[in-house]
Amino acid sequence: MNTKFLAILSMFIAVVFVFTILVAISIPTTRGFWNIGETGVYIVALLFGPMVGAIAGGIGSALADLFLGYAIYAPGTLVIKGAEGFLVGYLYRLLGKRKNMKNGMVMYYALLLTVLIIVLTAFVFYVFGSGESEIMVELYSEMLKGGIKFSVPLIVIIAVEIIIGGVAIILLYTQKETPAMVFSCLIGGIVMVLGYFLYEALILGSSIALIEIIPNFMQVLIGIVLGIPVVKKLKEMGVLDRYKRFMGEISE
């Protein structure tokens, strides 16, 4: 990697970092926070591919944890958001070309991966949370000087996760570009939710880890709603073509 590429990669890291710190709502019970960082991760991964998505997603998000005072999450974030960025970029690149969408083996591979992730996630939620009937969620905003509390039955959380996975599978078969983006983000997002659940269960305990499942799913949905229109607009403006020309120049 030369200086030019490192400079542009630093810009992508900054994009993820800014989106993550832009809205930070603390979750006192888990010592974590809710954010819209997925927006930045998805924009970078969908536009520039799995490796850039992994590096910018992992480093940018981890730096945001350190900057906001949530250092306990930084090591996990580096790996989890890196994996999310890679998976989103990889799946979209795999499905983004029309010939790949119509390739039976590619579709079979994507479907199998999706089912495995959904089943594994639902299984982990059930096993680790089998002693909990309801999950209490608490969000607090320093800016608004207030917060909200609500509880949700664990079975509802598992059902929602399965429904989201089902929607992803339906999108897989539409063989169109925007649904392919949504599909990639949903699957990457499920992996992110699972990753944070396992990390928090390890450092805080499974009963506390369950609390962030709903906020983390909310991050995924917000990231899709905000990120994909930006990606489509940037592609219309020719940003991706300019980036490819730039990458071609620095690789010569």
Protein backbone atom coordinates (compact mmCIF):
# COMPACT_ATOMS: atom_id res chain seq x y z
CA MET A 1 0.00 0.00 0.00
CA ASN A 2 1.43 3.38 -0.99
CA THR A 3 0.93 6.79 0.56
CA LYS A 4 -2.04 7.72 -1.66
CA PHE A 5 -3.97 4.57 -0.76
CA LEU A 6 -3.20 4.96 2.95
CA ALA A 7 -4.50 8.52 2.75
CA ILE A 8 -7.80 7.48 1.16
CA LEU A 9 -8.13 4.55 3.56
CA SER A 10 -7.69 6.99 6.45
CA MET A 11 -10.56 9.00 5.00
CA PHE A 12 -12.81 5.90 5.05
CA ILE A 13 -11.82 5.23 8.67
CA ALA A 14 -12.75 8.83 9.49
CA VAL A 15 -16.17 8.39 7.82
CA VAL A 16 -16.99 5.43 10.08
CA PHE A 17 -15.58 7.23 13.12
CA VAL A 18 -17.70 10.36 12.54
CA PHE A 19 -20.92 8.40 11.98
CA THR A 20 -20.27 6.44 15.19
CA ILE A 21 -19.71 9.46 17.44
CA LEU A 22 -22.35 11.62 15.73
CA VAL A 23 -25.20 10.16 17.81
CA ALA A 24 -24.12 8.39 20.99
CA ILE A 25 -26.82 7.32 23.44
CA SER A 26 -25.51 5.45 26.47
CA ILE A 27 -26.86 2.14 27.75
CA PRO A 28 -25.99 2.34 31.47
CA THR A 29 -26.54 -1.33 32.32
CA THR A 30 -24.05 -2.59 29.74
CA ARG A 31 -21.67 0.39 29.91
CA GLY A 32 -22.08 0.62 26.14
CA PHE A 33 -23.82 3.03 23.78
CA TRP A 34 -26.24 3.14 20.87
CA ASN A 35 -25.03 4.84 17.71
CA ILE A 36 -25.56 5.15 13.95
CA GLY A 37 -22.10 3.88 13.08
CA GLU A 38 -23.54 1.11 10.90
CA THR A 39 -24.40 3.83 8.39
CA GLY A 40 -20.72 4.57 7.85
CA VAL A 41 -19.73 0.90 7.82
CA TYR A 42 -22.35 0.06 5.19
CA ILE A 43 -21.52 3.04 2.97
CA VAL A 44 -17.82 2.17 2.90
CA ALA A 45 -18.32 -1.61 2.53
CA LEU A 46 -20.95 -1.37 -0.22
CA LEU A 47 -18.97 1.16 -2.25
CA PHE A 48 -15.41 -0.02 -1.79
CA GLY A 49 -15.56 -3.73 -1.03
CA PRO A 50 -14.81 -6.20 1.76
CA MET A 51 -11.19 -5.35 2.63
CA VAL A 52 -11.75 -1.60 2.85
CA GLY A 53 -15.03 -2.26 4.69
CA ALA A 54 -13.24 -4.50 7.20
CA ILE A 55 -10.35 -2.11 7.87
CA ALA A 56 -12.43 1.08 8.03
CA GLY A 57 -15.29 -0.59 9.92
CA GLY A 58 -13.05 -2.16 12.54
CA ILE A 59 -10.56 0.64 13.12
CA GLY A 60 -13.01 3.54 12.75
CA SER A 61 -15.50 2.01 15.17
CA ALA A 62 -12.83 0.99 17.69
CA LEU A 63 -11.36 4.51 17.67
CA ALA A 64 -14.85 5.87 18.35
CA ASP A 65 -15.15 3.58 21.38
CA LEU A 66 -11.86 4.90 22.72
CA PHE A 67 -12.75 8.53 21.97
CA LEU A 68 -16.14 8.31 23.74
CA GLY A 69 -14.75 6.52 26.80
CA TYR A 70 -16.00 2.99 26.07
CA ALA A 71 -12.55 1.43 25.90
CA ILE A 72 -13.85 -1.86 27.31
CA TYR A 73 -15.56 -2.45 23.96
CA ALA A 74 -12.72 -1.38 21.66
CA PRO A 75 -11.02 -4.81 21.27
CA GLY A 76 -14.31 -6.53 20.52
CA THR A 77 -15.43 -3.72 18.22
CA LEU A 78 -12.23 -3.96 16.18
CA VAL A 79 -13.00 -7.59 15.33
CA ILE A 80 -16.83 -7.46 15.23
CA LYS A 81 -17.24 -4.32 13.13
CA GLY A 82 -14.33 -5.46 10.96
CA ALA A 83 -16.12 -8.76 10.31
CA GLU A 84 -19.37 -6.91 9.63
CA GLY A 85 -17.73 -4.58 7.11
CA PHE A 86 -16.03 -7.49 5.38
CA LEU A 87 -19.19 -9.59 5.16
CA VAL A 88 -21.34 -6.72 3.85
CA GLY A 89 -18.76 -5.83 1.20
CA TYR A 90 -18.14 -9.47 0.28
CA LEU A 91 -21.79 -10.46 -0.09
CA TYR A 92 -22.68 -7.37 -2.10
CA ARG A 93 -19.69 -7.84 -4.38
CA LEU A 94 -20.69 -11.50 -4.79
CA LEU A 95 -24.31 -10.65 -5.62
CA GLY A 96 -23.91 -7.19 -7.13
CA LYS A 97 -23.22 -8.37 -10.65
CA ARG A 98 -26.33 -9.51 -12.51
CA LYS A 99 -24.60 -12.61 -13.88
CA ASN A 100 -23.75 -13.64 -10.31
CA MET A 101 -27.35 -13.09 -9.19
CA LYS A 102 -28.49 -15.52 -11.87
CA ASN A 103 -25.77 -18.05 -11.01
CA GLY A 104 -27.39 -20.97 -9.18
CA MET A 105 -24.27 -21.89 -7.21
CA VAL A 106 -23.75 -18.32 -6.01
CA MET A 107 -27.36 -18.10 -4.86
CA TYR A 108 -27.12 -21.49 -3.16
CA TYR A 109 -23.94 -20.44 -1.35
CA ALA A 110 -25.50 -17.15 -0.18
CA LEU A 111 -28.67 -18.96 0.94
CA LEU A 112 -26.73 -21.61 2.88
CA LEU A 113 -24.60 -18.95 4.59
CA THR A 114 -27.72 -16.99 5.53
CA VAL A 115 -29.53 -19.98 7.00
CA LEU A 116 -26.46 -21.00 9.01
CA ILE A 117 -26.08 -17.49 10.46
CA ILE A 118 -29.78 -17.24 11.35
CA VAL A 119 -29.92 -20.68 12.98
CA LEU A 120 -26.67 -20.10 14.90
CA THR A 121 -27.80 -16.69 16.14
CA ALA A 122 -31.25 -17.89 17.25
CA PHE A 123 -29.67 -20.90 18.96
CA VAL A 124 -27.12 -18.77 20.85
CA PHE A 125 -29.79 -16.30 21.97
CA TYR A 126 -31.96 -19.15 23.26
CA VAL A 127 -29.19 -21.07 25.04
CA PHE A 128 -27.61 -18.05 26.73
CA GLY A 129 -30.93 -16.43 27.53
CA SER A 130 -33.02 -19.46 28.48
CA GLY A 131 -33.14 -18.31 32.09
CA GLU A 132 -34.58 -14.92 31.14
CA SER A 133 -38.25 -14.46 30.24
CA GLU A 134 -38.04 -10.71 29.60
CA ILE A 135 -35.22 -8.42 28.57
CA MET A 136 -35.09 -4.91 30.08
CA VAL A 137 -33.65 -2.21 27.79
CA GLU A 138 -32.55 1.19 29.08
CA LEU A 139 -31.26 4.06 26.92
CA TYR A 140 -30.00 7.41 28.23
CA SER A 141 -28.99 10.54 26.33
CA GLU A 142 -26.71 13.13 27.94
CA MET A 143 -27.80 15.65 25.32
CA LEU A 144 -31.50 15.22 26.13
CA LYS A 145 -30.89 14.65 29.86
CA GLY A 146 -33.33 11.78 29.84
CA GLY A 147 -33.92 8.24 28.71
CA ILE A 148 -36.38 5.42 28.18
CA LYS A 149 -36.89 1.97 29.63
CA PHE A 150 -38.86 -0.93 28.23
CA SER A 151 -38.92 -4.70 28.42
CA VAL A 152 -39.41 -7.31 25.70
CA PRO A 153 -39.96 -11.08 26.06
CA LEU A 154 -36.93 -13.07 24.93
CA ILE A 155 -39.07 -15.20 22.61
CA VAL A 156 -40.11 -12.02 20.75
CA ILE A 157 -36.46 -11.08 20.24
CA ILE A 158 -35.71 -14.52 18.79
CA ALA A 159 -38.81 -14.33 16.58
CA VAL A 160 -37.80 -10.90 15.26
CA GLU A 161 -34.31 -12.18 14.47
CA ILE A 162 -35.78 -15.11 12.51
CA ILE A 163 -38.17 -12.75 10.67
CA ILE A 164 -35.27 -10.45 9.72
CA GLY A 165 -33.41 -13.48 8.42
CA GLY A 166 -36.47 -14.54 6.46
CA VAL A 167 -36.75 -11.11 4.88
CA ALA A 168 -33.09 -11.34 3.92
CA ILE A 169 -33.72 -14.66 2.16
CA ILE A 170 -36.67 -13.20 0.23
CA LEU A 171 -34.52 -10.26 -0.85
CA LEU A 172 -31.88 -12.70 -2.04
CA TYR A 173 -34.25 -14.03 -4.70
CA THR A 174 -35.31 -10.68 -6.15
CA GLN A 175 -32.06 -10.52 -8.17
CA LYS A 176 -31.97 -6.72 -8.09
CA GLU A 177 -29.26 -4.32 -6.92
CA THR A 178 -30.97 -2.48 -4.04
CA PRO A 179 -32.37 -5.66 -2.45
CA ALA A 180 -28.86 -7.13 -2.78
CA MET A 181 -27.56 -4.16 -0.75
CA VAL A 182 -30.25 -4.62 1.89
CA PHE A 183 -29.60 -8.37 2.02
CA SER A 184 -25.85 -7.87 2.50
CA CYS A 185 -26.39 -5.32 5.28
CA LEU A 186 -28.95 -7.50 7.07
CA ILE A 187 -26.66 -10.54 7.13
CA GLY A 188 -23.65 -8.46 8.18
CA GLY A 189 -25.84 -6.82 10.81
CA ILE A 190 -26.99 -10.14 12.26
CA VAL A 191 -23.34 -11.17 12.59
CA MET A 192 -22.62 -7.86 14.36
CA VAL A 193 -25.48 -8.41 16.84
CA LEU A 194 -24.31 -11.97 17.50
CA GLY A 195 -20.70 -10.84 17.89
CA TYR A 196 -21.49 -8.17 20.47
CA PHE A 197 -23.78 -10.54 22.34
CA LEU A 198 -20.99 -13.11 22.69
CA TYR A 199 -18.41 -10.47 23.60
CA GLU A 200 -20.63 -8.91 26.27
CA ALA A 201 -21.60 -12.33 27.60
CA LEU A 202 -17.89 -13.02 28.05
CA ILE A 203 -17.03 -9.79 29.87
CA LEU A 204 -20.34 -8.88 31.55
CA GLY A 205 -22.49 -12.02 31.67
CA SER A 206 -25.24 -13.30 29.39
CA SER A 207 -28.14 -11.66 31.25
CA ILE A 208 -26.59 -8.22 30.69
CA ALA A 209 -25.51 -9.04 27.14
CA LEU A 210 -29.14 -9.71 26.18
CA ILE A 211 -29.99 -6.06 26.86
CA GLU A 212 -28.12 -4.77 23.79
CA ILE A 213 -29.69 -7.14 21.28
CA ILE A 214 -32.60 -4.81 20.49
CA PRO A 215 -30.52 -1.58 20.32
CA ASN A 216 -28.00 -3.34 18.07
CA PHE A 217 -30.73 -4.53 15.70
CA MET A 218 -32.00 -0.93 15.66
CA GLN A 219 -28.50 0.18 14.58
CA VAL A 220 -28.65 -2.25 11.66
CA LEU A 221 -32.04 -0.98 10.46
CA ILE A 222 -31.03 2.68 10.83
CA GLY A 223 -27.80 1.96 8.97
CA ILE A 224 -29.75 0.46 6.07
CA VAL A 225 -32.28 3.30 5.94
CA LEU A 226 -29.61 6.01 6.00
CA GLY A 227 -26.72 4.30 4.26
CA ILE A 228 -28.18 2.73 1.13
CA PRO A 229 -29.70 5.97 -0.30
CA VAL A 230 -26.29 7.62 0.18
CA VAL A 231 -24.57 4.73 -1.60
CA LYS A 232 -27.00 4.90 -4.54
CA LYS A 233 -26.54 8.67 -4.84
CA LEU A 234 -22.75 8.43 -4.72
CA LYS A 235 -22.80 5.72 -7.39
CA GLU A 236 -24.99 7.94 -9.59
CA MET A 237 -22.42 10.72 -9.14
CA GLY A 238 -19.68 8.41 -10.43
CA VAL A 239 -17.73 8.22 -7.16
CA LEU A 240 -17.12 4.49 -7.55
CA ASP A 241 -15.80 4.90 -11.10
CA ARG A 242 -13.39 7.60 -9.96
CA TYR A 243 -12.24 5.39 -7.10
CA LYS A 244 -11.58 2.48 -9.48
CA ARG A 245 -9.54 4.74 -11.75
CA PHE A 246 -7.61 6.00 -8.74
CA MET A 247 -6.92 2.45 -7.54
CA GLY A 248 -5.77 1.52 -11.04
CA GLU A 249 -3.37 4.44 -11.09
CA ILE A 250 -1.75 3.69 -7.74
CA SER A 251 -1.38 -0.01 -8.52
CA GLU A 252 0.64 0.65 -11.68
